[in-house]
C-alpha atoms as a PDB file:
ATOM      1  CA  MET A   1     -30.825 -17.063 -13.920  1.00  0.00           C
ATOM      2  CA  GLY A   2     -29.446 -13.545 -13.009  1.00  0.00           C
ATOM      3  CA  SER A   3     -27.887 -11.093 -15.885  1.00  0.00           C
ATOM      4  CA  PRO A   4     -23.826 -11.551 -15.654  1.00  0.00           C
ATOM      5  CA  SER A   5     -21.470  -8.802 -13.776  1.00  0.00           C
ATOM      6  CA  VAL A   6     -18.019  -8.288 -14.178  1.00  0.00           C
ATOM      7  CA  SER A   7     -16.029  -8.643 -10.429  1.00  0.00           C
ATOM      8  CA  THR A   8     -13.688  -6.390  -9.234  1.00  0.00           C
ATOM      9  CA  HIS A   9     -11.934  -6.118  -5.906  1.00  0.00           C
ATOM     10  CA  ARG A  10     -14.222  -2.626  -5.951  1.00  0.00           C
ATOM     11  CA  GLY A  11     -17.594  -3.902  -6.259  1.00  0.00           C
ATOM     12  CA  LEU A  12     -19.328  -5.284  -9.319  1.00  0.00           C
ATOM     13  CA  VAL A  13     -19.686  -3.037 -12.458  1.00  0.00           C
ATOM     14  CA  HIS A  14     -23.076  -4.277 -13.942  1.00  0.00           C
ATOM     15  CA  TRP A  15     -22.749  -5.754 -17.435  1.00  0.00           C
ATOM     16  CA  GLN A  16     -25.353  -3.532 -18.829  1.00  0.00           C
ATOM     17  CA  GLY A  17     -23.360  -0.860 -17.951  1.00  0.00           C
ATOM     18  CA  LEU A  18     -20.603  -2.264 -19.766  1.00  0.00           C
ATOM     19  CA  LEU A  19     -22.168  -2.608 -23.333  1.00  0.00           C
ATOM     20  CA  LEU A  20     -22.128   1.168 -24.477  1.00  0.00           C
ATOM     21  CA  VAL A  21     -18.472   1.076 -23.023  1.00  0.00           C
ATOM     22  CA  VAL A  22     -17.739  -1.752 -25.065  1.00  0.00           C
ATOM     23  CA  SER A  23     -19.397  -1.194 -28.090  1.00  0.00           C
ATOM     24  CA  LEU A  24     -17.638   2.584 -27.954  1.00  0.00           C
ATOM     25  CA  LEU A  25     -14.251   0.591 -27.719  1.00  0.00           C
ATOM     26  CA  ASN A  26     -14.929  -0.859 -31.117  1.00  0.00           C
ATOM     27  CA  PHE A  27     -13.971   2.271 -32.530  1.00  0.00           C
ATOM     28  CA  TRP A  28     -11.758   3.582 -30.752  1.00  0.00           C
ATOM     29  CA  SER A  29      -8.493   1.605 -32.181  1.00  0.00           C
ATOM     30  CA  GLN A  30      -6.173   4.347 -33.413  1.00  0.00           C
ATOM     31  CA  PRO A  31      -2.969   5.940 -31.666  1.00  0.00           C
ATOM     32  CA  THR A  32      -1.955   9.233 -30.832  1.00  0.00           C
ATOM     33  CA  THR A  33       0.862  11.923 -30.283  1.00  0.00           C
ATOM     34  CA  ALA A  34      -0.755  12.973 -26.748  1.00  0.00           C
ATOM     35  CA  GLN A  35       0.554  12.352 -24.094  1.00  0.00           C
ATOM     36  CA  VAL A  36      -1.352  11.025 -20.468  1.00  0.00           C
ATOM     37  CA  THR A  37       0.334  10.663 -17.206  1.00  0.00           C
ATOM     38  CA  VAL A  38      -0.979   9.281 -13.756  1.00  0.00           C
ATOM     39  CA  GLU A  39       0.483  10.485 -10.576  1.00  0.00           C
ATOM     40  CA  SER A  40       1.904   7.311  -8.292  1.00  0.00           C
ATOM     41  CA  THR A  41       0.192   8.034  -4.766  1.00  0.00           C
ATOM     42  CA  ASN A  42       0.887   7.142  -1.184  1.00  0.00           C
ATOM     43  CA  ALA A  43      -2.756   7.070   1.056  1.00  0.00           C
ATOM     44  CA  LEU A  44      -3.302   6.108   4.242  1.00  0.00           C
ATOM     45  CA  GLU A  45      -5.583   2.957   5.492  1.00  0.00           C
ATOM     46  CA  GLY A  46      -9.649   4.253   6.124  1.00  0.00           C
ATOM     47  CA  THR A  47      -8.864   7.620   3.931  1.00  0.00           C
ATOM     48  CA  ASP A  48     -10.276   8.480   0.278  1.00  0.00           C
ATOM     49  CA  VAL A  49      -7.262   8.999  -2.589  1.00  0.00           C
ATOM     50  CA  THR A  50      -7.528  10.534  -6.088  1.00  0.00           C
ATOM     51  CA  LEU A  51      -5.301   9.237  -9.071  1.00  0.00           C
ATOM     52  CA  ARG A  52      -4.803  12.040 -10.371  1.00  0.00           C
ATOM     53  CA  ILE A  53      -3.951  12.515 -14.592  1.00  0.00           C
ATOM     54  CA  HIS A  54      -2.597  15.186 -16.988  1.00  0.00           C
ATOM     55  CA  HIS A  55      -2.700  14.841 -20.149  1.00  0.00           C
ATOM     56  CA  THR A  56      -2.366  17.261 -23.381  1.00  0.00           C
ATOM     57  CA  ALA A  57      -4.965  16.431 -25.404  1.00  0.00           C
ATOM     58  CA  PRO A  58      -7.789  19.379 -26.289  1.00  0.00           C
ATOM     59  CA  ASN A  59     -10.936  17.093 -25.976  1.00  0.00           C
ATOM     60  CA  THR A  60     -11.383  13.960 -24.582  1.00  0.00           C
ATOM     61  CA  ALA A  61     -14.841  11.842 -25.289  1.00  0.00           C
ATOM     62  CA  GLY A  62     -14.388   9.542 -22.269  1.00  0.00           C
ATOM     63  CA  PHE A  63     -11.766   7.678 -19.406  1.00  0.00           C
ATOM     64  CA  LEU A  64     -11.695   4.248 -18.522  1.00  0.00           C
ATOM     65  CA  TRP A  65     -10.385   3.122 -15.503  1.00  0.00           C
ATOM     66  CA  TYR A  66      -9.178  -0.584 -14.623  1.00  0.00           C
ATOM     67  CA  ARG A  67      -7.678  -2.280 -12.025  1.00  0.00           C
ATOM     68  CA  GLY A  68      -3.904  -3.466 -12.694  1.00  0.00           C
ATOM     69  CA  ASP A  69      -1.970  -3.285 -15.532  1.00  0.00           C
ATOM     70  CA  THR A  70      -4.440  -3.853 -18.333  1.00  0.00           C
ATOM     71  CA  THR A  71      -7.053  -2.368 -20.381  1.00  0.00           C
ATOM     72  CA  ASP A  72      -8.814  -6.130 -20.626  1.00  0.00           C
ATOM     73  CA  SER A  73     -12.499  -4.578 -19.869  1.00  0.00           C
ATOM     74  CA  ASN A  74     -13.074  -7.708 -17.516  1.00  0.00           C
ATOM     75  CA  HIS A  75     -11.116  -5.303 -15.378  1.00  0.00           C
ATOM     76  CA  ILE A  76     -13.013  -1.991 -15.530  1.00  0.00           C
ATOM     77  CA  ILE A  77     -13.726  -0.539 -12.518  1.00  0.00           C
ATOM     78  CA  ALA A  78     -15.081   2.709 -13.275  1.00  0.00           C
ATOM     79  CA  TYR A  79     -15.898   4.851 -16.211  1.00  0.00           C
ATOM     80  CA  LEU A  80     -16.865   8.803 -17.426  1.00  0.00           C
ATOM     81  CA  ILE A  81     -18.294   8.633 -20.813  1.00  0.00           C
ATOM     82  CA  GLU A  82     -18.790  12.247 -23.251  1.00  0.00           C
ATOM     83  CA  ASP A  83     -20.477  13.158 -26.080  1.00  0.00           C
ATOM     84  CA  GLN A  84     -22.815  15.854 -27.565  1.00  0.00           C
ATOM     85  CA  THR A  85     -25.507  12.705 -26.819  1.00  0.00           C
ATOM     86  CA  ILE A  86     -24.156  10.332 -24.598  1.00  0.00           C
ATOM     87  CA  HIS A  87     -23.061  11.084 -20.327  1.00  0.00           C
ATOM     88  CA  VAL A  88     -22.130   7.855 -19.005  1.00  0.00           C
ATOM     89  CA  ARG A  89     -20.397   7.278 -15.432  1.00  0.00           C
ATOM     90  CA  GLY A  90     -20.142   4.316 -13.806  1.00  0.00           C
ATOM     91  CA  PRO A  91     -20.312   2.090 -12.020  1.00  0.00           C
ATOM     92  CA  PRO A  92     -23.684   3.988 -10.215  1.00  0.00           C
ATOM     93  CA  GLY A  93     -23.436   3.764  -6.509  1.00  0.00           C
ATOM     94  CA  GLY A  94     -20.303   2.089  -5.973  1.00  0.00           C
ATOM     95  CA  GLN A  95     -17.093   3.468  -4.138  1.00  0.00           C
ATOM     96  CA  VAL A  96     -15.023   4.104  -7.220  1.00  0.00           C
ATOM     97  CA  ILE A  97     -15.630   7.163  -9.280  1.00  0.00           C
ATOM     98  CA  VAL A  98     -14.330   9.418 -12.336  1.00  0.00           C
ATOM     99  CA  ASN A  99     -14.100  12.852 -12.149  1.00  0.00           C
ATOM    100  CA  TYR A 100     -14.874  15.123 -14.644  1.00  0.00           C
ATOM    101  CA  ASN A 101     -11.480  15.653 -15.384  1.00  0.00           C
ATOM    102  CA  GLY A 102     -10.411  12.237 -15.775  1.00  0.00           C
ATOM    103  CA  SER A 103      -8.866  11.669 -12.207  1.00  0.00           C
ATOM    104  CA  LEU A 104      -9.685   8.772 -10.438  1.00  0.00           C
ATOM    105  CA  VAL A 105     -11.559   8.869  -6.729  1.00  0.00           C
ATOM    106  CA  LEU A 106     -11.429   5.787  -4.524  1.00  0.00           C
ATOM    107  CA  LYS A 107     -13.427   6.322  -1.196  1.00  0.00           C
ATOM    108  CA  ASN A 108     -11.982   4.358   1.900  1.00  0.00           C
ATOM    109  CA  VAL A 109      -8.460   2.465   0.961  1.00  0.00           C
ATOM    110  CA  THR A 110      -7.616  -0.572   2.461  1.00  0.00           C
ATOM    111  CA  MET A 111      -3.901  -2.357   2.129  1.00  0.00           C
ATOM    112  CA  LYS A 112      -6.077  -4.449  -1.013  1.00  0.00           C
ATOM    113  CA  ASP A 113      -6.243  -1.486  -3.278  1.00  0.00           C
ATOM    114  CA  ALA A 114      -2.639  -1.060  -3.289  1.00  0.00           C
ATOM    115  CA  GLY A 115      -1.388  -1.918  -6.619  1.00  0.00           C
ATOM    116  CA  ILE A 116      -1.105  -0.757 -10.555  1.00  0.00           C
ATOM    117  CA  TYR A 117      -4.293   1.542 -12.129  1.00  0.00           C
ATOM    118  CA  THR A 118      -4.235   2.004 -15.447  1.00  0.00           C
ATOM    119  CA  VAL A 119      -6.536   4.691 -17.493  1.00  0.00           C
ATOM    120  CA  LEU A 120      -7.361   4.843 -21.747  1.00  0.00           C
ATOM    121  CA  VAL A 121      -8.379   8.502 -22.478  1.00  0.00           C
ATOM    122  CA  GLN A 122     -10.627   8.442 -25.467  1.00  0.00           C
ATOM    123  CA  LEU A 123      -9.963  11.394 -27.451  1.00  0.00           C
ATOM    124  CA  GLN A 124     -12.573  12.919 -30.507  1.00  0.00           C
ATOM    125  CA  GLY A 125     -11.647  11.540 -33.703  1.00  0.00           C
ATOM    126  CA  CYS A 126     -11.352   7.669 -32.689  1.00  0.00           C
ATOM    127  CA  GLN A 127      -7.697   8.128 -30.996  1.00  0.00           C
ATOM    128  CA  LYS A 128      -6.770   6.877 -27.127  1.00  0.00           C
ATOM    129  CA  MET A 129      -4.085   7.615 -24.885  1.00  0.00           C
ATOM    130  CA  ILE A 130      -3.039   5.079 -21.937  1.00  0.00           C
ATOM    131  CA  ALA A 131      -0.893   5.301 -18.837  1.00  0.00           C
ATOM    132  CA  CYS A 132      -1.154   3.725 -15.553  1.00  0.00           C
ATOM    133  CA  GLY A 133      -0.156   4.466 -11.913  1.00  0.00           C
ATOM    134  CA  ARG A 134       0.559   2.951  -8.286  1.00  0.00           C
ATOM    135  CA  LEU A 135      -1.153   3.197  -5.442  1.00  0.00           C
ATOM    136  CA  THR A 136       0.532   2.433  -2.055  1.00  0.00           C
ATOM    137  CA  VAL A 137      -1.276   2.114   0.884  1.00  0.00           C
ATOM    138  CA  TYR A 138       0.022   2.560   4.659  1.00  0.00           C
ATOM    139  CA  PRO A 139      -1.828   0.796   7.001  1.00  0.00           C
ATOM    140  CA  LEU A 140      -3.123   2.520  10.345  1.00  0.00           C
ATOM    141  CA  LEU A 141      -0.971   2.288  13.198  1.00  0.00           C
ATOM    142  CA  SER A 142      -1.984   1.252  16.738  1.00  0.00           C
ATOM    143  CA  ALA A 143       0.118   2.852  19.681  1.00  0.00           C
ATOM    144  CA  PRO A 144       3.600   0.524  20.211  1.00  0.00           C
ATOM    145  CA  THR A 145       3.780  -1.154  24.020  1.00  0.00           C
ATOM    146  CA  LEU A 146       6.706   0.169  25.910  1.00  0.00           C
ATOM    147  CA  THR A 147       8.083  -2.238  28.308  1.00  0.00           C
ATOM    148  CA  ALA A 148      11.105  -2.192  30.836  1.00  0.00           C
ATOM    149  CA  SER A 149      13.136  -5.025  32.327  1.00  0.00           C
ATOM    150  CA  ASN A 150      13.617  -2.784  35.578  1.00  0.00           C
ATOM    151  CA  THR A 151      12.856   0.577  36.178  1.00  0.00           C
ATOM    152  CA  THR A 152      13.861   1.532  39.683  1.00  0.00           C
ATOM    153  CA  VAL A 153      17.443   0.927  38.962  1.00  0.00           C
ATOM    154  CA  THR A 154      21.056   1.983  41.036  1.00  0.00           C
ATOM    155  CA  GLU A 155      23.332   4.400  38.985  1.00  0.00           C
ATOM    156  CA  ASN A 156      27.062   2.580  37.925  1.00  0.00           C
ATOM    157  CA  GLN A 157      25.210  -0.792  38.677  1.00  0.00           C
ATOM    158  CA  ASP A 158      22.310  -1.985  36.887  1.00  0.00           C
ATOM    159  CA  VAL A 159      21.518  -2.740  33.488  1.00  0.00           C
ATOM    160  CA  VAL A 160      18.114  -1.517  31.576  1.00  0.00           C
ATOM    161  CA  VAL A 161      16.435  -3.132  28.436  1.00  0.00           C
ATOM    162  CA  PHE A 162      13.610  -0.941  27.197  1.00  0.00           C
ATOM    163  CA  THR A 163      11.252  -3.252  24.384  1.00  0.00           C
ATOM    164  CA  CYS A 164       9.451  -0.987  22.021  1.00  0.00           C
ATOM    165  CA  TYR A 165       6.109  -3.737  20.590  1.00  0.00           C
ATOM    166  CA  THR A 166       4.872  -2.347  17.778  1.00  0.00           C
ATOM    167  CA  ASP A 167       3.996  -4.039  14.018  1.00  0.00           C
ATOM    168  CA  THR A 168       6.102  -1.224  12.067  1.00  0.00           C
ATOM    169  CA  PRO A 169      10.252  -0.844  11.048  1.00  0.00           C
ATOM    170  CA  GLY A 170      10.272   2.402  11.576  1.00  0.00           C
ATOM    171  CA  ILE A 171      10.881   3.446  15.333  1.00  0.00           C
ATOM    172  CA  GLN A 172      11.752   5.973  17.054  1.00  0.00           C
ATOM    173  CA  TRP A 173      12.791   7.062  21.107  1.00  0.00           C
ATOM    174  CA  LEU A 174      11.992   9.482  22.707  1.00  0.00           C
ATOM    175  CA  PHE A 175      13.529  10.996  26.411  1.00  0.00           C
ATOM    176  CA  ASN A 176      11.891  13.842  28.732  1.00  0.00           C
ATOM    177  CA  GLY A 177       9.394  14.816  25.482  1.00  0.00           C
ATOM    178  CA  THR A 178      12.328  15.096  22.896  1.00  0.00           C
ATOM    179  CA  ASN A 179      14.666  12.051  20.327  1.00  0.00           C
ATOM    180  CA  LEU A 180      17.089   9.883  22.367  1.00  0.00           C
ATOM    181  CA  GLN A 181      20.341  11.517  22.061  1.00  0.00           C
ATOM    182  CA  LEU A 182      21.869   8.088  22.316  1.00  0.00           C
ATOM    183  CA  THR A 183      25.523   7.995  24.427  1.00  0.00           C
ATOM    184  CA  LYS A 184      28.333   5.239  24.675  1.00  0.00           C
ATOM    185  CA  ARG A 185      26.116   3.819  27.486  1.00  0.00           C
ATOM    186  CA  MET A 186      23.295   2.819  24.890  1.00  0.00           C
ATOM    187  CA  LYS A 187      22.962   0.535  22.396  1.00  0.00           C
ATOM    188  CA  LEU A 188      19.425  -0.452  19.828  1.00  0.00           C
ATOM    189  CA  SER A 189      19.217  -3.844  18.492  1.00  0.00           C
ATOM    190  CA  LEU A 190      19.217  -3.867  14.944  1.00  0.00           C
ATOM    191  CA  ASP A 191      15.459  -3.507  14.074  1.00  0.00           C
ATOM    192  CA  HIS A 192      15.356  -1.220  16.838  1.00  0.00           C
ATOM    193  CA  ARG A 193      12.823  -2.833  18.984  1.00  0.00           C
ATOM    194  CA  ASN A 194      15.311  -2.469  22.212  1.00  0.00           C
ATOM    195  CA  LEU A 195      17.032   0.220  23.710  1.00  0.00           C
ATOM    196  CA  THR A 196      19.999  -1.302  26.424  1.00  0.00           C
ATOM    197  CA  ILE A 197      21.421   1.511  29.221  1.00  0.00           C
ATOM    198  CA  ASP A 198      24.323  -0.455  30.407  1.00  0.00           C
ATOM    199  CA  PRO A 199      25.125   0.888  33.017  1.00  0.00           C
ATOM    200  CA  VAL A 200      22.486   3.647  34.038  1.00  0.00           C
ATOM    201  CA  GLN A 201      23.800   6.749  35.567  1.00  0.00           C
ATOM    202  CA  ARG A 202      21.705   9.467  36.686  1.00  0.00           C
ATOM    203  CA  GLU A 203      21.352  11.268  33.659  1.00  0.00           C
ATOM    204  CA  ASP A 204      19.261   8.778  32.105  1.00  0.00           C
ATOM    205  CA  ASP A 205      16.397   9.653  34.849  1.00  0.00           C
ATOM    206  CA  GLY A 206      13.414  10.485  33.158  1.00  0.00           C
ATOM    207  CA  ASP A 207      10.714   9.570  31.017  1.00  0.00           C
ATOM    208  CA  TYR A 208      11.353   7.702  27.847  1.00  0.00           C
ATOM    209  CA  TRP A 209       8.548   6.569  24.887  1.00  0.00           C
ATOM    210  CA  CYS A 210       8.573   4.767  21.604  1.00  0.00           C
ATOM    211  CA  LYS A 211       6.883   5.606  18.342  1.00  0.00           C
ATOM    212  CA  GLY A 212       5.957   3.417  15.775  1.00  0.00           C
ATOM    213  CA  PHE A 213       5.612   5.321  11.925  1.00  0.00           C
ATOM    214  CA  ASN A 214       5.427   5.101   8.396  1.00  0.00           C
ATOM    215  CA  LEU A 215       5.187   7.518   5.686  1.00  0.00           C
ATOM    216  CA  ARG A 216       1.432   7.800   6.921  1.00  0.00           C
ATOM    217  CA  SER A 217       0.706   7.449  10.152  1.00  0.00           C
ATOM    218  CA  SER A 218       2.850   7.391  13.638  1.00  0.00           C
ATOM    219  CA  GLY A 219       1.994   5.570  17.387  1.00  0.00           C
ATOM    220  CA  LYS A 220       3.311   6.746  20.310  1.00  0.00           C
ATOM    221  CA  SER A 221       3.403   4.595  22.961  1.00  0.00           C
ATOM    222  CA  ASN A 222       2.411   4.623  27.015  1.00  0.00           C
ATOM    223  CA  LYS A 223       5.369   6.923  28.631  1.00  0.00           C
ATOM    224  CA  LEU A 224       7.517   4.668  31.164  1.00  0.00           C
ATOM    225  CA  LYS A 225       9.689   6.579  34.419  1.00  0.00           C
ATOM    226  CA  LEU A 226      12.865   5.572  35.050  1.00  0.00           C
ATOM    227  CA  ASP A 227      14.144   6.010  38.811  1.00  0.00           C
ATOM    228  CA  VAL A 228      17.907   6.011  38.885  1.00  0.00           C
ATOM    229  CA  LYS A 229      18.723   5.819  42.676  1.00  0.00           C
ATOM    230  CA  TYR A 230      22.076   7.257  43.998  1.00  0.00           C
ATOM    231  CA  GLN A 231      24.209   8.266  46.629  1.00  0.00           C
END
């Protein structure tokens, strides 16, 4: 039978690697007046992200990071233990590491990595500090698809409806390369996915795009040319 391991979303922290950590935790039980905070962070899917910490303690003996709002040893994902005789960083070879300043680095994050992370900072003299922060991960957006009910229309007679197909709620419309300025003849649907021009006029002739966006990513559609005929 193989040796047991502790399962986390970010991989397996081997049980032997935790023996030292858990044994040290048995001595780390006293609270302190020092303070630690974790910066909540936004990241784009597929990038590396650092959860930075700030603390007021002059001396530290180690950093332990947990997935979730907990300090249960079953949820440890990375650690750095330092003193005069010990220097242990783990888990070895993982996509999660602890920097020497205590910050947590996650490689190639996915949507599953979003959530709460907790850090336990061990101080010299058997004292500890605990804080948590949130990681928000935004998806990498693909380019929307733009369609139109008709691209060749007659002034003051026809109606055109543009539809933007995208999986994000953030949608922006562009006309001839700049943000579209809505007129009284233009109407957006509640979700901004449909743009209706009723009736079309010659000043509506030109190139249209839609763009989907979130806080970290955006994608621009294909261009559609609206040809308005007039006499």
